[in-house]
Amino acid sequence: MRIARSFILRAAVLAAAALVTTALPPAAQAQEKISWRVQSHWPSASSSYKDSLMRLKERVAACTNGRLVLEPFEAGALFPAKEIFPAVRRGVIQMGTISPAYLPETVTTAGIASGLPFAFRNVWEAAYFHKQLGFEDMIRAEVAKQGVYYSTDKVYPTEMVVKTPIQSLDDLRKQKIRSSGALQRFLTATGAAASYLPGPELYPALSTGVVTGAHWGAAQGANSMGLYEVAKHHVRPALNIAGTDAFIVNQKALDALPPELRKCLIDELDEQFWMRTNEYQFQERVTLAKAIKQHGVQINQLPQEVLDHMTKVAAQQWEEEGKRGPEARKALDMLKKFLTELGYLD
């Protein structure tokens, strides 16, 4: 009798389990794992590799119960920085991290995303421009035409480090600066010699004098790349405040995900923007304070004549970015209206 009751109980449990299983969608029943390759433009030494890419990997794994696995590759492992976007667009890899400076010319808002020089004065202004005023939607729509989903990782300042301080216009014009995108064009227009180098080549170039200055984020980026070892002057004010880093996802790969996994990824990307933007500002203050104390770094506040010159050049470049296409013009007009409301423009 006891055996019969035990058999009936087990049968009932198995029947109930079968009902639950058949009620689940096929993807949930199988609990298949999906692995995506993510080529980053960040070297593994860069603070953002750990704090942004590895954080997202962990968050997505937690949200999807391990069903979506992001496999990160540091800068240059599969593709060099400027080939990441084409690789994602073609579906060779599912995902990557880039600077908008590496986007194709057909994305006309890329220069504004990279950050117009001397536009925003506070990080919250750049965040508001992206999220509340709708710039994020504008660049996402442009990139979507290439079959790629775009999501800004964070907004933050970009600040230079130089081996010798800039105390005059002559000092500025003697600088050989590693840069990229809109800032490279801007620094060239100011009279400096600006050129692009991929991340892994930056430290050797700076240490040997191939370049005399560089920007890689701000204090955290410079510190994580070892730049303070050979360049002791941290330049203020910021060259720009912008969404200088972004995640890109092949749209077909995104659409092919089960709905619950796709929602997890998109939600985590959206949440990442706010978390990393705030975290980055705290880390900037801590890192720069340590660099001053431990490495003898000095703040190089640009003199007024240099600021006036760079501001004049910046205003001219804003207009050049607006000429890149209707969407760029629309974004620039929106930016100028916002800056006027803030009292920065007449």
C-alpha atoms as a PDB file:
ATOM      1  CA  MET A   1       0.000   0.000   0.000  1.00  0.00           C
ATOM      2  CA  ARG A   2       2.843   2.337   0.933  1.00  0.00           C
ATOM      3  CA  ILE A   3       4.635   1.449  -2.333  1.00  0.00           C
ATOM      4  CA  ALA A   4       1.485   2.184  -4.310  1.00  0.00           C
ATOM      5  CA  ARG A   5       1.053   5.575  -2.662  1.00  0.00           C
ATOM      6  CA  SER A   6       4.723   6.377  -3.349  1.00  0.00           C
ATOM      7  CA  PHE A   7       4.319   5.413  -6.998  1.00  0.00           C
ATOM      8  CA  ILE A   8       1.183   7.530  -7.348  1.00  0.00           C
ATOM      9  CA  LEU A   9       2.932  10.502  -5.709  1.00  0.00           C
ATOM     10  CA  ARG A  10       5.940  10.248  -8.041  1.00  0.00           C
ATOM     11  CA  ALA A  11       3.656   9.937 -11.039  1.00  0.00           C
ATOM     12  CA  ALA A  12       1.730  13.027  -9.978  1.00  0.00           C
ATOM     13  CA  VAL A  13       4.957  15.017  -9.544  1.00  0.00           C
ATOM     14  CA  LEU A  14       6.232  13.933 -12.955  1.00  0.00           C
ATOM     15  CA  ALA A  15       2.902  14.806 -14.569  1.00  0.00           C
ATOM     16  CA  ALA A  16       2.926  18.245 -12.979  1.00  0.00           C
ATOM     17  CA  ALA A  17       6.505  18.785 -14.120  1.00  0.00           C
ATOM     18  CA  ALA A  18       5.540  17.792 -17.644  1.00  0.00           C
ATOM     19  CA  LEU A  19       2.710  20.305 -17.645  1.00  0.00           C
ATOM     20  CA  VAL A  20       5.049  23.074 -16.487  1.00  0.00           C
ATOM     21  CA  THR A  21       7.648  22.127 -19.101  1.00  0.00           C
ATOM     22  CA  THR A  22       5.174  22.104 -21.973  1.00  0.00           C
ATOM     23  CA  ALA A  23       3.903  25.504 -20.856  1.00  0.00           C
ATOM     24  CA  LEU A  24       7.389  27.016 -21.297  1.00  0.00           C
ATOM     25  CA  PRO A  25       8.586  28.284 -24.681  1.00  0.00           C
ATOM     26  CA  PRO A  26      10.960  25.909 -26.518  1.00  0.00           C
ATOM     27  CA  ALA A  27      13.992  28.152 -25.874  1.00  0.00           C
ATOM     28  CA  ALA A  28      13.337  28.120 -22.141  1.00  0.00           C
ATOM     29  CA  GLN A  29      12.903  24.324 -22.166  1.00  0.00           C
ATOM     30  CA  ALA A  30      16.222  23.785 -23.866  1.00  0.00           C
ATOM     31  CA  GLN A  31      18.008  26.496 -21.838  1.00  0.00           C
ATOM     32  CA  GLU A  32      20.513  26.681 -24.654  1.00  0.00           C
ATOM     33  CA  LYS A  33      23.599  28.812 -24.199  1.00  0.00           C
ATOM     34  CA  ILE A  34      24.365  31.416 -26.836  1.00  0.00           C
ATOM     35  CA  SER A  35      27.937  32.701 -27.079  1.00  0.00           C
ATOM     36  CA  TRP A  36      28.791  36.019 -28.689  1.00  0.00           C
ATOM     37  CA  ARG A  37      32.248  37.271 -29.547  1.00  0.00           C
ATOM     38  CA  VAL A  38      32.821  40.883 -28.490  1.00  0.00           C
ATOM     39  CA  GLN A  39      35.841  42.635 -30.011  1.00  0.00           C
ATOM     40  CA  SER A  40      36.823  45.678 -27.964  1.00  0.00           C
ATOM     41  CA  HIS A  41      38.836  48.745 -28.899  1.00  0.00           C
ATOM     42  CA  TRP A  42      40.011  48.856 -25.261  1.00  0.00           C
ATOM     43  CA  PRO A  43      43.274  47.117 -24.341  1.00  0.00           C
ATOM     44  CA  SER A  44      42.878  44.857 -21.327  1.00  0.00           C
ATOM     45  CA  ALA A  45      44.974  47.387 -19.367  1.00  0.00           C
ATOM     46  CA  SER A  46      42.384  50.116 -19.965  1.00  0.00           C
ATOM     47  CA  SER A  47      40.087  50.849 -17.029  1.00  0.00           C
ATOM     48  CA  SER A  48      37.032  50.662 -19.284  1.00  0.00           C
ATOM     49  CA  TYR A  49      37.846  47.098 -20.361  1.00  0.00           C
ATOM     50  CA  LYS A  50      37.253  45.937 -16.810  1.00  0.00           C
ATOM     51  CA  ASP A  51      34.720  48.479 -15.583  1.00  0.00           C
ATOM     52  CA  SER A  52      32.555  48.611 -18.715  1.00  0.00           C
ATOM     53  CA  LEU A  53      33.016  45.499 -20.854  1.00  0.00           C
ATOM     54  CA  MET A  54      33.596  42.948 -18.094  1.00  0.00           C
ATOM     55  CA  ARG A  55      30.823  44.501 -16.021  1.00  0.00           C
ATOM     56  CA  LEU A  56      28.371  44.139 -18.908  1.00  0.00           C
ATOM     57  CA  LYS A  57      29.480  40.534 -19.444  1.00  0.00           C
ATOM     58  CA  GLU A  58      28.711  39.734 -15.799  1.00  0.00           C
ATOM     59  CA  ARG A  59      25.415  41.632 -15.756  1.00  0.00           C
ATOM     60  CA  VAL A  60      24.154  39.949 -18.920  1.00  0.00           C
ATOM     61  CA  ALA A  61      25.159  36.527 -17.589  1.00  0.00           C
ATOM     62  CA  ALA A  62      23.228  37.198 -14.374  1.00  0.00           C
ATOM     63  CA  CYS A  63      20.155  38.576 -16.150  1.00  0.00           C
ATOM     64  CA  THR A  64      19.979  35.644 -18.575  1.00  0.00           C
ATOM     65  CA  ASN A  65      20.922  32.947 -16.034  1.00  0.00           C
ATOM     66  CA  GLY A  66      24.035  32.228 -18.058  1.00  0.00           C
ATOM     67  CA  ARG A  67      22.168  31.682 -21.320  1.00  0.00           C
ATOM     68  CA  LEU A  68      23.824  34.615 -23.154  1.00  0.00           C
ATOM     69  CA  VAL A  69      27.598  34.535 -22.821  1.00  0.00           C
ATOM     70  CA  LEU A  70      29.668  37.507 -23.972  1.00  0.00           C
ATOM     71  CA  GLU A  71      33.198  36.444 -24.890  1.00  0.00           C
ATOM     72  CA  PRO A  72      35.411  39.558 -24.760  1.00  0.00           C
ATOM     73  CA  PHE A  73      38.527  40.118 -26.860  1.00  0.00           C
ATOM     74  CA  GLU A  74      40.889  42.966 -26.044  1.00  0.00           C
ATOM     75  CA  ALA A  75      42.060  45.534 -28.589  1.00  0.00           C
ATOM     76  CA  GLY A  76      43.574  43.976 -31.689  1.00  0.00           C
ATOM     77  CA  ALA A  77      42.859  40.358 -30.738  1.00  0.00           C
ATOM     78  CA  LEU A  78      40.533  39.681 -33.686  1.00  0.00           C
ATOM     79  CA  PHE A  79      40.344  43.003 -35.515  1.00  0.00           C
ATOM     80  CA  PRO A  80      42.047  46.400 -35.188  1.00  0.00           C
ATOM     81  CA  ALA A  81      39.900  49.223 -33.826  1.00  0.00           C
ATOM     82  CA  LYS A  82      38.837  50.689 -37.160  1.00  0.00           C
ATOM     83  CA  GLU A  83      37.736  47.282 -38.491  1.00  0.00           C
ATOM     84  CA  ILE A  84      35.430  46.442 -35.573  1.00  0.00           C
ATOM     85  CA  PHE A  85      32.404  48.223 -37.029  1.00  0.00           C
ATOM     86  CA  PRO A  86      32.657  46.526 -40.458  1.00  0.00           C
ATOM     87  CA  ALA A  87      33.115  43.145 -38.747  1.00  0.00           C
ATOM     88  CA  VAL A  88      29.980  43.652 -36.642  1.00  0.00           C
ATOM     89  CA  ARG A  89      28.017  45.014 -39.592  1.00  0.00           C
ATOM     90  CA  ARG A  90      28.862  41.951 -41.695  1.00  0.00           C
ATOM     91  CA  GLY A  91      28.053  39.603 -38.816  1.00  0.00           C
ATOM     92  CA  VAL A  92      31.587  38.190 -38.612  1.00  0.00           C
ATOM     93  CA  ILE A  93      31.299  38.928 -34.888  1.00  0.00           C
ATOM     94  CA  GLN A  94      28.108  39.700 -33.031  1.00  0.00           C
ATOM     95  CA  MET A  95      29.225  42.629 -30.904  1.00  0.00           C
ATOM     96  CA  GLY A  96      31.976  45.150 -30.285  1.00  0.00           C
ATOM     97  CA  THR A  97      33.013  48.295 -28.490  1.00  0.00           C
ATOM     98  CA  ILE A  98      34.161  51.326 -30.449  1.00  0.00           C
ATOM     99  CA  SER A  99      34.638  55.046 -30.373  1.00  0.00           C
ATOM    100  CA  PRO A 100      32.167  56.886 -32.619  1.00  0.00           C
ATOM    101  CA  ALA A 101      35.302  58.304 -34.244  1.00  0.00           C
ATOM    102  CA  TYR A 102      35.623  54.882 -35.929  1.00  0.00           C
ATOM    103  CA  LEU A 103      32.149  54.975 -37.488  1.00  0.00           C
ATOM    104  CA  PRO A 104      31.909  55.292 -41.278  1.00  0.00           C
ATOM    105  CA  GLU A 105      31.479  58.688 -42.920  1.00  0.00           C
ATOM    106  CA  THR A 106      27.883  57.790 -43.769  1.00  0.00           C
ATOM    107  CA  VAL A 107      27.026  58.206 -40.057  1.00  0.00           C
ATOM    108  CA  THR A 108      26.954  61.993 -40.186  1.00  0.00           C
ATOM    109  CA  THR A 109      26.344  62.489 -36.450  1.00  0.00           C
ATOM    110  CA  ALA A 110      29.495  60.543 -35.500  1.00  0.00           C
ATOM    111  CA  GLY A 111      31.594  63.690 -35.085  1.00  0.00           C
ATOM    112  CA  ILE A 112      29.068  65.186 -32.682  1.00  0.00           C
ATOM    113  CA  ALA A 113      28.907  61.894 -30.774  1.00  0.00           C
ATOM    114  CA  SER A 114      32.707  61.921 -30.502  1.00  0.00           C
ATOM    115  CA  GLY A 115      32.312  65.279 -28.823  1.00  0.00           C
ATOM    116  CA  LEU A 116      32.501  68.777 -30.199  1.00  0.00           C
ATOM    117  CA  PRO A 117      35.394  70.577 -28.519  1.00  0.00           C
ATOM    118  CA  PHE A 118      34.596  73.044 -25.743  1.00  0.00           C
ATOM    119  CA  ALA A 119      30.812  72.459 -25.956  1.00  0.00           C
ATOM    120  CA  PHE A 120      29.616  71.004 -22.641  1.00  0.00           C
ATOM    121  CA  ARG A 121      31.064  72.182 -19.343  1.00  0.00           C
ATOM    122  CA  ASN A 122      29.532  69.541 -17.070  1.00  0.00           C
ATOM    123  CA  VAL A 123      28.951  65.819 -17.502  1.00  0.00           C
ATOM    124  CA  TRP A 124      25.240  66.045 -16.686  1.00  0.00           C
ATOM    125  CA  GLU A 125      24.771  68.356 -19.688  1.00  0.00           C
ATOM    126  CA  ALA A 126      26.140  65.736 -22.078  1.00  0.00           C
ATOM    127  CA  ALA A 127      23.972  63.038 -20.461  1.00  0.00           C
ATOM    128  CA  TYR A 128      20.878  65.245 -20.778  1.00  0.00           C
ATOM    129  CA  PHE A 129      21.686  65.951 -24.437  1.00  0.00           C
ATOM    130  CA  HIS A 130      21.986  62.228 -25.176  1.00  0.00           C
ATOM    131  CA  LYS A 131      19.022  60.882 -23.263  1.00  0.00           C
ATOM    132  CA  GLN A 132      16.489  63.645 -22.611  1.00  0.00           C
ATOM    133  CA  LEU A 133      16.944  65.723 -25.754  1.00  0.00           C
ATOM    134  CA  GLY A 134      17.175  62.669 -27.986  1.00  0.00           C
ATOM    135  CA  PHE A 135      20.656  62.667 -29.487  1.00  0.00           C
ATOM    136  CA  GLU A 136      21.099  58.989 -28.593  1.00  0.00           C
ATOM    137  CA  ASP A 137      18.028  58.161 -30.682  1.00  0.00           C
ATOM    138  CA  MET A 138      19.402  60.210 -33.588  1.00  0.00           C
ATOM    139  CA  ILE A 139      22.754  58.452 -33.833  1.00  0.00           C
ATOM    140  CA  ARG A 140      21.142  55.069 -33.128  1.00  0.00           C
ATOM    141  CA  ALA A 141      18.794  55.606 -36.075  1.00  0.00           C
ATOM    142  CA  GLU A 142      21.680  56.524 -38.379  1.00  0.00           C
ATOM    143  CA  VAL A 143      23.743  53.510 -37.340  1.00  0.00           C
ATOM    144  CA  ALA A 144      20.675  51.253 -37.680  1.00  0.00           C
ATOM    145  CA  LYS A 145      20.726  51.921 -41.443  1.00  0.00           C
ATOM    146  CA  GLN A 146      23.955  49.893 -41.469  1.00  0.00           C
ATOM    147  CA  GLY A 147      22.256  46.950 -39.733  1.00  0.00           C
ATOM    148  CA  VAL A 148      23.848  47.699 -36.368  1.00  0.00           C
ATOM    149  CA  TYR A 149      22.364  48.559 -32.953  1.00  0.00           C
ATOM    150  CA  TYR A 150      24.226  51.388 -31.166  1.00  0.00           C
ATOM    151  CA  SER A 151      24.337  52.111 -27.426  1.00  0.00           C
ATOM    152  CA  THR A 152      26.559  54.705 -25.735  1.00  0.00           C
ATOM    153  CA  ASP A 153      28.520  53.222 -22.831  1.00  0.00           C
ATOM    154  CA  LYS A 154      28.927  56.462 -20.865  1.00  0.00           C
ATOM    155  CA  VAL A 155      29.597  60.178 -21.221  1.00  0.00           C
ATOM    156  CA  TYR A 156      32.777  61.547 -19.716  1.00  0.00           C
ATOM    157  CA  PRO A 157      35.479  64.183 -20.221  1.00  0.00           C
ATOM    158  CA  THR A 158      38.427  63.732 -22.540  1.00  0.00           C
ATOM    159  CA  GLU A 159      41.570  65.401 -21.231  1.00  0.00           C
ATOM    160  CA  MET A 160      45.123  65.461 -22.552  1.00  0.00           C
ATOM    161  CA  VAL A 161      48.370  64.521 -20.899  1.00  0.00           C
ATOM    162  CA  VAL A 162      51.587  66.049 -22.242  1.00  0.00           C
ATOM    163  CA  LYS A 163      55.278  65.584 -21.573  1.00  0.00           C
ATOM    164  CA  THR A 164      56.009  69.319 -21.450  1.00  0.00           C
ATOM    165  CA  PRO A 165      53.451  71.896 -20.240  1.00  0.00           C
ATOM    166  CA  ILE A 166      51.506  74.088 -22.637  1.00  0.00           C
ATOM    167  CA  GLN A 167      52.082  77.654 -21.459  1.00  0.00           C
ATOM    168  CA  SER A 168      51.768  79.526 -24.757  1.00  0.00           C
ATOM    169  CA  LEU A 169      50.534  79.172 -28.322  1.00  0.00           C
ATOM    170  CA  ASP A 170      54.071  78.273 -29.369  1.00  0.00           C
ATOM    171  CA  ASP A 171      54.040  75.407 -26.857  1.00  0.00           C
ATOM    172  CA  LEU A 172      50.756  74.165 -28.303  1.00  0.00           C
ATOM    173  CA  ARG A 173      52.080  74.247 -31.861  1.00  0.00           C
ATOM    174  CA  LYS A 174      55.113  72.179 -30.868  1.00  0.00           C
ATOM    175  CA  GLN A 175      52.972  69.329 -29.554  1.00  0.00           C
ATOM    176  CA  LYS A 176      52.634  66.011 -31.406  1.00  0.00           C
ATOM    177  CA  ILE A 177      49.403  64.582 -30.026  1.00  0.00           C
ATOM    178  CA  ARG A 178      47.821  61.163 -30.373  1.00  0.00           C
ATOM    179  CA  SER A 179      44.140  61.761 -31.131  1.00  0.00           C
ATOM    180  CA  SER A 180      41.218  60.507 -33.221  1.00  0.00           C
ATOM    181  CA  GLY A 181      38.058  61.612 -34.989  1.00  0.00           C
ATOM    182  CA  ALA A 182      36.673  65.105 -34.475  1.00  0.00           C
ATOM    183  CA  LEU A 183      39.265  65.899 -31.809  1.00  0.00           C
ATOM    184  CA  GLN A 184      42.086  64.982 -34.167  1.00  0.00           C
ATOM    185  CA  ARG A 185      40.705  67.424 -36.728  1.00  0.00           C
ATOM    186  CA  PHE A 186      40.278  70.049 -34.007  1.00  0.00           C
ATOM    187  CA  LEU A 187      43.797  69.737 -32.591  1.00  0.00           C
ATOM    188  CA  THR A 188      45.264  69.846 -36.086  1.00  0.00           C
ATOM    189  CA  ALA A 189      43.331  73.048 -36.749  1.00  0.00           C
ATOM    190  CA  THR A 190      44.744  74.634 -33.572  1.00  0.00           C
ATOM    191  CA  GLY A 191      48.262  74.181 -34.953  1.00  0.00           C
ATOM    192  CA  ALA A 192      49.301  71.028 -33.109  1.00  0.00           C
ATOM    193  CA  ALA A 193      50.378  67.940 -35.043  1.00  0.00           C
ATOM    194  CA  ALA A 194      47.647  65.399 -34.284  1.00  0.00           C
ATOM    195  CA  SER A 195      47.730  61.813 -35.526  1.00  0.00           C
ATOM    196  CA  TYR A 196      45.926  58.554 -34.800  1.00  0.00           C
ATOM    197  CA  LEU A 197      47.515  55.562 -33.077  1.00  0.00           C
ATOM    198  CA  PRO A 198      45.699  52.431 -31.827  1.00  0.00           C
ATOM    199  CA  GLY A 199      45.669  51.902 -28.067  1.00  0.00           C
ATOM    200  CA  PRO A 200      48.397  49.235 -27.845  1.00  0.00           C
ATOM    201  CA  GLU A 201      50.854  51.558 -29.629  1.00  0.00           C
ATOM    202  CA  LEU A 202      50.167  54.586 -27.449  1.00  0.00           C
ATOM    203  CA  TYR A 203      52.533  54.028 -24.523  1.00  0.00           C
ATOM    204  CA  PRO A 204      55.567  53.107 -26.658  1.00  0.00           C
ATOM    205  CA  ALA A 205      54.975  56.140 -28.890  1.00  0.00           C
ATOM    206  CA  LEU A 206      54.702  58.502 -25.925  1.00  0.00           C
ATOM    207  CA  SER A 207      57.659  57.036 -24.063  1.00  0.00           C
ATOM    208  CA  THR A 208      59.951  57.279 -27.093  1.00  0.00           C
ATOM    209  CA  GLY A 209      58.831  60.755 -28.161  1.00  0.00           C
ATOM    210  CA  VAL A 210      57.037  59.734 -31.352  1.00  0.00           C
ATOM    211  CA  VAL A 211      54.205  61.736 -29.786  1.00  0.00           C
ATOM    212  CA  THR A 212      54.527  64.286 -26.990  1.00  0.00           C
ATOM    213  CA  GLY A 213      50.955  64.165 -25.771  1.00  0.00           C
ATOM    214  CA  ALA A 214      47.818  62.069 -25.962  1.00  0.00           C
ATOM    215  CA  HIS A 215      44.272  61.639 -24.773  1.00  0.00           C
ATOM    216  CA  TRP A 216      42.794  58.311 -23.714  1.00  0.00           C
ATOM    217  CA  GLY A 217      39.734  59.242 -21.731  1.00  0.00           C
ATOM    218  CA  ALA A 218      40.874  61.429 -18.879  1.00  0.00           C
ATOM    219  CA  ALA A 219      42.677  60.579 -15.624  1.00  0.00           C
ATOM    220  CA  GLN A 220      41.547  56.945 -15.434  1.00  0.00           C
ATOM    221  CA  GLY A 221      42.418  56.215 -19.019  1.00  0.00           C
ATOM    222  CA  ALA A 222      45.819  57.873 -18.745  1.00  0.00           C
ATOM    223  CA  ASN A 223      46.591  56.077 -15.504  1.00  0.00           C
ATOM    224  CA  SER A 224      45.449  52.644 -16.684  1.00  0.00           C
ATOM    225  CA  MET A 225      47.568  52.955 -19.836  1.00  0.00           C
ATOM    226  CA  GLY A 226      50.649  54.001 -17.847  1.00  0.00           C
ATOM    227  CA  LEU A 227      50.804  57.427 -19.485  1.00  0.00           C
ATOM    228  CA  TYR A 228      51.599  59.244 -16.235  1.00  0.00           C
ATOM    229  CA  GLU A 229      54.896  57.367 -16.110  1.00  0.00           C
ATOM    230  CA  VAL A 230      56.153  59.407 -19.072  1.00  0.00           C
ATOM    231  CA  ALA A 231      53.802  62.419 -19.260  1.00  0.00           C
ATOM    232  CA  LYS A 232      53.466  64.345 -16.000  1.00  0.00           C
ATOM    233  CA  HIS A 233      51.238  67.232 -17.099  1.00  0.00           C
ATOM    234  CA  HIS A 234      47.453  66.735 -17.043  1.00  0.00           C
ATOM    235  CA  VAL A 235      45.816  69.440 -19.174  1.00  0.00           C
ATOM    236  CA  ARG A 236      42.665  71.303 -18.134  1.00  0.00           C
ATOM    237  CA  PRO A 237      39.995  72.200 -19.188  1.00  0.00           C
ATOM    238  CA  ALA A 238      38.671  69.095 -20.922  1.00  0.00           C
ATOM    239  CA  LEU A 239      38.905  68.934 -24.686  1.00  0.00           C
ATOM    240  CA  ASN A 240      35.315  67.767 -24.675  1.00  0.00           C
ATOM    241  CA  ILE A 241      32.675  65.900 -22.701  1.00  0.00           C
ATOM    242  CA  ALA A 242      31.008  63.255 -24.816  1.00  0.00           C
ATOM    243  CA  GLY A 243      29.841  59.707 -25.381  1.00  0.00           C
ATOM    244  CA  THR A 244      33.300  58.676 -26.496  1.00  0.00           C
ATOM    245  CA  ASP A 245      32.708  54.918 -26.076  1.00  0.00           C
ATOM    246  CA  ALA A 246      29.859  52.779 -27.361  1.00  0.00           C
ATOM    247  CA  PHE A 247      28.666  49.204 -27.761  1.00  0.00           C
ATOM    248  CA  ILE A 248      27.595  48.012 -31.202  1.00  0.00           C
ATOM    249  CA  VAL A 249      25.555  44.873 -31.922  1.00  0.00           C
ATOM    250  CA  ASN A 250      24.767  43.166 -35.203  1.00  0.00           C
ATOM    251  CA  GLN A 251      21.024  43.745 -35.619  1.00  0.00           C
ATOM    252  CA  LYS A 252      20.318  40.318 -37.119  1.00  0.00           C
ATOM    253  CA  ALA A 253      22.081  38.625 -34.211  1.00  0.00           C
ATOM    254  CA  LEU A 254      20.097  40.773 -31.781  1.00  0.00           C
ATOM    255  CA  ASP A 255      16.801  39.961 -33.500  1.00  0.00           C
ATOM    256  CA  ALA A 256      17.635  36.238 -33.465  1.00  0.00           C
ATOM    257  CA  LEU A 257      17.889  36.138 -29.675  1.00  0.00           C
ATOM    258  CA  PRO A 258      14.913  34.768 -27.726  1.00  0.00           C
ATOM    259  CA  PRO A 259      12.798  37.771 -26.640  1.00  0.00           C
ATOM    260  CA  GLU A 260      13.695  37.462 -22.961  1.00  0.00           C
ATOM    261  CA  LEU A 261      17.436  37.434 -23.726  1.00  0.00           C
ATOM    262  CA  ARG A 262      17.121  40.359 -26.124  1.00  0.00           C
ATOM    263  CA  LYS A 263      15.270  42.359 -23.464  1.00  0.00           C
ATOM    264  CA  CYS A 264      17.960  41.547 -20.891  1.00  0.00           C
ATOM    265  CA  LEU A 265      20.740  42.777 -23.155  1.00  0.00           C
ATOM    266  CA  ILE A 266      19.004  46.010 -24.166  1.00  0.00           C
ATOM    267  CA  ASP A 267      17.950  46.773 -20.585  1.00  0.00           C
ATOM    268  CA  GLU A 268      21.480  46.179 -19.308  1.00  0.00           C
ATOM    269  CA  LEU A 269      22.940  48.437 -22.001  1.00  0.00           C
ATOM    270  CA  ASP A 270      20.511  51.217 -21.041  1.00  0.00           C
ATOM    271  CA  GLU A 271      21.254  50.836 -17.330  1.00  0.00           C
ATOM    272  CA  GLN A 272      24.984  50.730 -18.020  1.00  0.00           C
ATOM    273  CA  PHE A 273      24.932  54.274 -19.432  1.00  0.00           C
ATOM    274  CA  TRP A 274      23.765  55.817 -16.164  1.00  0.00           C
ATOM    275  CA  MET A 275      25.784  53.598 -13.851  1.00  0.00           C
ATOM    276  CA  ARG A 276      29.062  54.044 -15.707  1.00  0.00           C
ATOM    277  CA  THR A 277      28.583  57.781 -16.276  1.00  0.00           C
ATOM    278  CA  ASN A 278      28.193  58.369 -12.535  1.00  0.00           C
ATOM    279  CA  GLU A 279      30.837  55.861 -11.482  1.00  0.00           C
ATOM    280  CA  TYR A 280      33.342  57.333 -13.909  1.00  0.00           C
ATOM    281  CA  GLN A 281      33.135  60.798 -12.367  1.00  0.00           C
ATOM    282  CA  PHE A 282      33.852  59.463  -8.895  1.00  0.00           C
ATOM    283  CA  GLN A 283      36.745  57.386 -10.175  1.00  0.00           C
ATOM    284  CA  GLU A 284      38.170  60.382 -12.048  1.00  0.00           C
ATOM    285  CA  ARG A 285      38.558  62.424  -8.881  1.00  0.00           C
ATOM    286  CA  VAL A 286      40.109  59.543  -6.954  1.00  0.00           C
ATOM    287  CA  THR A 287      42.509  58.601  -9.755  1.00  0.00           C
ATOM    288  CA  LEU A 288      43.766  62.122 -10.409  1.00  0.00           C
ATOM    289  CA  ALA A 289      44.335  62.747  -6.698  1.00  0.00           C
ATOM    290  CA  LYS A 290      46.424  59.561  -6.492  1.00  0.00           C
ATOM    291  CA  ALA A 291      48.362  60.449  -9.643  1.00  0.00           C
ATOM    292  CA  ILE A 292      49.279  63.836  -8.203  1.00  0.00           C
ATOM    293  CA  LYS A 293      50.408  62.274  -4.937  1.00  0.00           C
ATOM    294  CA  GLN A 294      52.108  59.133  -6.211  1.00  0.00           C
ATOM    295  CA  HIS A 295      53.436  60.092  -9.653  1.00  0.00           C
ATOM    296  CA  GLY A 296      54.097  63.801  -9.269  1.00  0.00           C
ATOM    297  CA  VAL A 297      51.518  64.717 -11.891  1.00  0.00           C
ATOM    298  CA  GLN A 298      50.778  68.432 -12.215  1.00  0.00           C
ATOM    299  CA  ILE A 299      47.655  70.164 -13.492  1.00  0.00           C
ATOM    300  CA  ASN A 300      48.428  72.209 -16.606  1.00  0.00           C
ATOM    301  CA  GLN A 301      45.730  74.883 -16.711  1.00  0.00           C
ATOM    302  CA  LEU A 302      45.786  76.344 -20.202  1.00  0.00           C
ATOM    303  CA  PRO A 303      46.576  80.088 -20.298  1.00  0.00           C
ATOM    304  CA  GLN A 304      43.958  82.510 -21.575  1.00  0.00           C
ATOM    305  CA  GLU A 305      45.589  83.144 -24.957  1.00  0.00           C
ATOM    306  CA  VAL A 306      45.575  79.421 -25.685  1.00  0.00           C
ATOM    307  CA  LEU A 307      41.970  79.060 -24.487  1.00  0.00           C
ATOM    308  CA  ASP A 308      40.828  81.969 -26.660  1.00  0.00           C
ATOM    309  CA  HIS A 309      42.566  80.502 -29.701  1.00  0.00           C
ATOM    310  CA  MET A 310      41.179  77.002 -29.149  1.00  0.00           C
ATOM    311  CA  THR A 311      37.656  78.304 -28.505  1.00  0.00           C
ATOM    312  CA  LYS A 312      37.705  80.227 -31.792  1.00  0.00           C
ATOM    313  CA  VAL A 313      38.882  77.151 -33.691  1.00  0.00           C
ATOM    314  CA  ALA A 314      36.268  75.011 -31.913  1.00  0.00           C
ATOM    315  CA  ALA A 315      33.399  77.248 -33.024  1.00  0.00           C
ATOM    316  CA  GLN A 316      34.535  76.917 -36.632  1.00  0.00           C
ATOM    317  CA  GLN A 317      34.697  73.141 -36.349  1.00  0.00           C
ATOM    318  CA  TRP A 318      31.168  72.958 -34.959  1.00  0.00           C
ATOM    319  CA  GLU A 319      29.917  74.429 -38.218  1.00  0.00           C
ATOM    320  CA  GLU A 320      31.976  71.988 -40.270  1.00  0.00           C
ATOM    321  CA  GLU A 321      30.377  69.062 -38.435  1.00  0.00           C
ATOM    322  CA  GLY A 322      26.951  70.504 -39.213  1.00  0.00           C
ATOM    323  CA  LYS A 323      27.730  70.372 -42.934  1.00  0.00           C
ATOM    324  CA  ARG A 324      28.105  66.601 -42.930  1.00  0.00           C
ATOM    325  CA  GLY A 325      24.412  66.014 -43.569  1.00  0.00           C
ATOM    326  CA  PRO A 326      20.820  66.845 -42.542  1.00  0.00           C
ATOM    327  CA  GLU A 327      20.957  64.754 -39.371  1.00  0.00           C
ATOM    328  CA  ALA A 328      24.237  66.355 -38.318  1.00  0.00           C
ATOM    329  CA  ARG A 329      22.744  69.799 -38.938  1.00  0.00           C
ATOM    330  CA  LYS A 330      19.681  68.922 -36.880  1.00  0.00           C
ATOM    331  CA  ALA A 331      21.840  67.628 -34.014  1.00  0.00           C
ATOM    332  CA  LEU A 332      24.076  70.706 -34.088  1.00  0.00           C
ATOM    333  CA  ASP A 333      21.089  73.079 -34.037  1.00  0.00           C
ATOM    334  CA  MET A 334      19.668  71.147 -31.074  1.00  0.00           C
ATOM    335  CA  LEU A 335      23.020  71.402 -29.294  1.00  0.00           C
ATOM    336  CA  LYS A 336      23.386  75.141 -29.908  1.00  0.00           C
ATOM    337  CA  LYS A 337      19.842  75.785 -28.680  1.00  0.00           C
ATOM    338  CA  PHE A 338      20.606  73.808 -25.512  1.00  0.00           C
ATOM    339  CA  LEU A 339      23.880  75.659 -24.893  1.00  0.00           C
ATOM    340  CA  THR A 340      22.104  78.978 -25.437  1.00  0.00           C
ATOM    341  CA  GLU A 341      19.483  78.022 -22.841  1.00  0.00           C
ATOM    342  CA  LEU A 342      22.326  77.228 -20.441  1.00  0.00           C
ATOM    343  CA  GLY A 343      23.782  80.694 -21.022  1.00  0.00           C
ATOM    344  CA  TYR A 344      26.948  79.486 -22.776  1.00  0.00           C
ATOM    345  CA  LEU A 345      26.090  81.024 -26.157  1.00  0.00           C
ATOM    346  CA  ASP A 346      24.582  84.397 -27.010  1.00  0.00           C
END
